[in-house]
C-alpha atoms as a PDB file:
ATOM      1  CA  MET A   1      79.509  66.804  75.567  1.00  0.00           C
ATOM      2  CA  THR A   2      79.523  70.113  77.443  1.00  0.00           C
ATOM      3  CA  PRO A   3      82.904  70.958  79.015  1.00  0.00           C
ATOM      4  CA  ALA A   4      83.059  71.279  82.805  1.00  0.00           C
ATOM      5  CA  PHE A   5      83.408  74.796  84.178  1.00  0.00           C
ATOM      6  CA  ASP A   6      86.799  75.514  85.714  1.00  0.00           C
ATOM      7  CA  PRO A   7      87.073  78.662  87.920  1.00  0.00           C
ATOM      8  CA  ALA A   8      90.757  78.874  86.924  1.00  0.00           C
ATOM      9  CA  THR A   9      89.646  79.921  83.408  1.00  0.00           C
ATOM     10  CA  LEU A  10      88.311  83.248  84.724  1.00  0.00           C
ATOM     11  CA  ARG A  11      90.408  86.417  84.397  1.00  0.00           C
ATOM     12  CA  TYR A  12      91.189  87.582  87.926  1.00  0.00           C
ATOM     13  CA  ASN A  13      92.678  90.961  88.853  1.00  0.00           C
ATOM     14  CA  ALA A  14      96.161  91.369  90.388  1.00  0.00           C
ATOM     15  CA  GLN A  15      94.746  90.418  93.816  1.00  0.00           C
ATOM     16  CA  GLY A  16      93.323  87.167  92.382  1.00  0.00           C
ATOM     17  CA  LEU A  17      89.732  88.446  92.533  1.00  0.00           C
ATOM     18  CA  VAL A  18      86.820  88.827  90.140  1.00  0.00           C
ATOM     19  CA  PRO A  19      83.796  91.109  90.710  1.00  0.00           C
ATOM     20  CA  ALA A  20      80.581  89.183  91.340  1.00  0.00           C
ATOM     21  CA  ILE A  21      77.153  90.797  91.003  1.00  0.00           C
ATOM     22  CA  ALA A  22      74.215  89.272  92.886  1.00  0.00           C
ATOM     23  CA  GLN A  23      70.862  89.640  91.117  1.00  0.00           C
ATOM     24  CA  ASP A  24      67.479  88.556  92.458  1.00  0.00           C
ATOM     25  CA  VAL A  25      66.285  85.693  90.251  1.00  0.00           C
ATOM     26  CA  ALA A  26      62.598  86.697  90.471  1.00  0.00           C
ATOM     27  CA  SER A  27      62.702  90.510  90.247  1.00  0.00           C
ATOM     28  CA  HIS A  28      66.036  90.843  88.359  1.00  0.00           C
ATOM     29  CA  GLU A  29      66.949  93.607  90.823  1.00  0.00           C
ATOM     30  CA  VAL A  30      70.707  94.059  91.282  1.00  0.00           C
ATOM     31  CA  LEU A  31      71.306  93.383  94.976  1.00  0.00           C
ATOM     32  CA  MET A  32      75.019  93.874  95.510  1.00  0.00           C
ATOM     33  CA  LEU A  33      78.533  93.581  94.165  1.00  0.00           C
ATOM     34  CA  ALA A  34      81.305  91.784  96.011  1.00  0.00           C
ATOM     35  CA  TRP A  35      84.506  89.903  95.156  1.00  0.00           C
ATOM     36  CA  MET A  36      85.357  86.232  94.681  1.00  0.00           C
ATOM     37  CA  ASN A  37      88.566  84.311  94.232  1.00  0.00           C
ATOM     38  CA  ALA A  38      88.758  80.939  92.453  1.00  0.00           C
ATOM     39  CA  GLU A  39      88.130  79.017  95.670  1.00  0.00           C
ATOM     40  CA  ALA A  40      85.049  81.129  96.530  1.00  0.00           C
ATOM     41  CA  VAL A  41      83.637  80.471  93.044  1.00  0.00           C
ATOM     42  CA  ALA A  42      84.257  76.725  93.422  1.00  0.00           C
ATOM     43  CA  GLN A  43      82.762  76.668  96.928  1.00  0.00           C
ATOM     44  CA  THR A  44      79.666  78.580  95.744  1.00  0.00           C
ATOM     45  CA  LEU A  45      79.107  76.109  92.917  1.00  0.00           C
ATOM     46  CA  GLU A  46      79.693  73.136  95.202  1.00  0.00           C
ATOM     47  CA  THR A  47      77.430  74.232  98.068  1.00  0.00           C
ATOM     48  CA  GLY A  48      74.820  76.461  96.405  1.00  0.00           C
ATOM     49  CA  ARG A  49      75.464  79.062  99.142  1.00  0.00           C
ATOM     50  CA  VAL A  50      77.101  82.197  97.744  1.00  0.00           C
ATOM     51  CA  THR A  51      80.604  82.601  99.141  1.00  0.00           C
ATOM     52  CA  TYR A  52      82.623  85.776  98.673  1.00  0.00           C
ATOM     53  CA  TRP A  53      86.161  86.823  99.546  1.00  0.00           C
ATOM     54  CA  SER A  54      86.247  89.624 102.121  1.00  0.00           C
ATOM     55  CA  ARG A  55      89.014  92.024 101.123  1.00  0.00           C
ATOM     56  CA  SER A  56      88.969  93.745 104.528  1.00  0.00           C
ATOM     57  CA  ARG A  57      89.101  90.537 106.593  1.00  0.00           C
ATOM     58  CA  GLN A  58      91.110  88.501 104.057  1.00  0.00           C
ATOM     59  CA  ALA A  59      88.757  85.578 104.638  1.00  0.00           C
ATOM     60  CA  PHE A  60      85.868  83.724 103.033  1.00  0.00           C
ATOM     61  CA  TRP A  61      82.448  85.184 103.685  1.00  0.00           C
ATOM     62  CA  ILE A  62      79.413  82.953 103.197  1.00  0.00           C
ATOM     63  CA  LYS A  63      76.531  85.363 102.661  1.00  0.00           C
ATOM     64  CA  GLY A  64      74.078  85.024 105.548  1.00  0.00           C
ATOM     65  CA  GLU A  65      76.346  82.897 107.741  1.00  0.00           C
ATOM     66  CA  THR A  66      76.030  85.337 110.660  1.00  0.00           C
ATOM     67  CA  SER A  67      73.063  87.520 109.611  1.00  0.00           C
ATOM     68  CA  GLY A  68      70.731  84.818 108.284  1.00  0.00           C
ATOM     69  CA  ASN A  69      70.354  86.862 105.065  1.00  0.00           C
ATOM     70  CA  VAL A  70      71.333  83.955 102.848  1.00  0.00           C
ATOM     71  CA  GLN A  71      71.926  84.003  99.109  1.00  0.00           C
ATOM     72  CA  GLU A  72      71.035  80.704  97.466  1.00  0.00           C
ATOM     73  CA  LEU A  73      72.670  80.328  94.057  1.00  0.00           C
ATOM     74  CA  VAL A  74      70.281  79.684  91.165  1.00  0.00           C
ATOM     75  CA  SER A  75      72.690  80.308  88.284  1.00  0.00           C
ATOM     76  CA  LEU A  76      76.133  81.724  87.646  1.00  0.00           C
ATOM     77  CA  ARG A  77      76.930  83.581  84.440  1.00  0.00           C
ATOM     78  CA  VAL A  78      80.333  84.610  83.099  1.00  0.00           C
ATOM     79  CA  ASP A  79      80.711  87.751  80.971  1.00  0.00           C
ATOM     80  CA  CYS A  80      82.312  87.780  77.507  1.00  0.00           C
ATOM     81  CA  ASP A  81      85.758  88.772  78.812  1.00  0.00           C
ATOM     82  CA  ARG A  82      85.563  86.180  81.624  1.00  0.00           C
ATOM     83  CA  ASP A  83      86.410  88.907  84.165  1.00  0.00           C
ATOM     84  CA  CYS A  84      83.020  89.477  85.827  1.00  0.00           C
ATOM     85  CA  LEU A  85      80.252  87.247  87.178  1.00  0.00           C
ATOM     86  CA  ILE A  86      76.520  87.628  87.627  1.00  0.00           C
ATOM     87  CA  MET A  87      74.888  85.267  90.064  1.00  0.00           C
ATOM     88  CA  GLN A  88      71.141  84.914  90.048  1.00  0.00           C
ATOM     89  CA  VAL A  89      70.156  84.226  93.642  1.00  0.00           C
ATOM     90  CA  ARG A  90      67.240  83.662  95.968  1.00  0.00           C
ATOM     91  CA  GLN A  91      67.817  86.279  98.655  1.00  0.00           C
ATOM     92  CA  THR A  92      66.535  85.806 102.207  1.00  0.00           C
ATOM     93  CA  GLY A  93      66.164  89.180 103.954  1.00  0.00           C
ATOM     94  CA  PRO A  94      68.177  92.251 103.011  1.00  0.00           C
ATOM     95  CA  ALA A  95      71.288  91.881 100.846  1.00  0.00           C
ATOM     96  CA  CYS A  96      72.930  95.093 102.094  1.00  0.00           C
ATOM     97  CA  HIS A  97      74.749  95.341 105.419  1.00  0.00           C
ATOM     98  CA  THR A  98      72.716  98.531 106.046  1.00  0.00           C
ATOM     99  CA  GLY A  99      69.562  96.429 106.281  1.00  0.00           C
ATOM    100  CA  ARG A 100      68.238  97.458 102.861  1.00  0.00           C
ATOM    101  CA  ARG A 101      67.108  94.985 100.230  1.00  0.00           C
ATOM    102  CA  THR A 102      69.822  96.177  97.839  1.00  0.00           C
ATOM    103  CA  CYS A 103      73.119  98.021  98.201  1.00  0.00           C
ATOM    104  CA  PHE A 104      72.017 100.294  95.337  1.00  0.00           C
ATOM    105  CA  TYR A 105      69.514 102.407  97.264  1.00  0.00           C
ATOM    106  CA  THR A 106      70.848 105.874  96.378  1.00  0.00           C
ATOM    107  CA  ASP A 107      69.681 107.530  93.155  1.00  0.00           C
ATOM    108  CA  VAL A 108      71.575 110.472  91.681  1.00  0.00           C
ATOM    109  CA  THR A 109      69.334 112.688  89.555  1.00  0.00           C
ATOM    110  CA  ASP A 110      70.061 116.255  88.440  1.00  0.00           C
ATOM    111  CA  GLY A 111      73.079 116.381  90.747  1.00  0.00           C
ATOM    112  CA  SER A 112      71.120 115.399  93.867  1.00  0.00           C
ATOM    113  CA  GLU A 113      71.127 112.188  95.877  1.00  0.00           C
ATOM    114  CA  VAL A 114      67.822 110.583  96.799  1.00  0.00           C
ATOM    115  CA  GLU A 115      67.539 107.635  99.171  1.00  0.00           C
ATOM    116  CA  LEU A 116      65.140 105.198  97.509  1.00  0.00           C
ATOM    117  CA  MET A 117      64.474 102.865 100.424  1.00  0.00           C
ATOM    118  CA  ALA A 118      64.773 102.613 104.182  1.00  0.00           C
ATOM    119  CA  PRO A 119      66.250  99.619 105.993  1.00  0.00           C
ATOM    120  CA  MET A 120      63.930  96.610 106.153  1.00  0.00           C
ATOM    121  CA  GLN A 121      62.134  95.920 109.433  1.00  0.00           C
ATOM    122  CA  GLY A 122      64.057  93.284 111.359  1.00  0.00           C
ATOM    123  CA  GLY A 123      66.839  93.477 108.748  1.00  0.00           C
END
């Protein structure tokens, strides 16, 4: 019998948070990194809607709740040290608050920054 997953078994930082990477399930593109506490992990698993902990607002943040740019959880993976998560998601619209598909839109090559993508239309 496979043991049930318990969010309390993760290794959280001093603020009770663990970094969580969102990855597009189809393209494998890394979309964003945010933070989760044990309750956000449990809520994400329970609802299938990715829920983060907003460090600036000190509140839960359900991705897409106000923007419509929802992240639907497909799978959640725990790293070997149990201190980082990767969530494979189905992303609706842009993942980044700037309106871009991913938060990782700046490339640094030979000491120069290059913007790889513009904000999405209607994003």
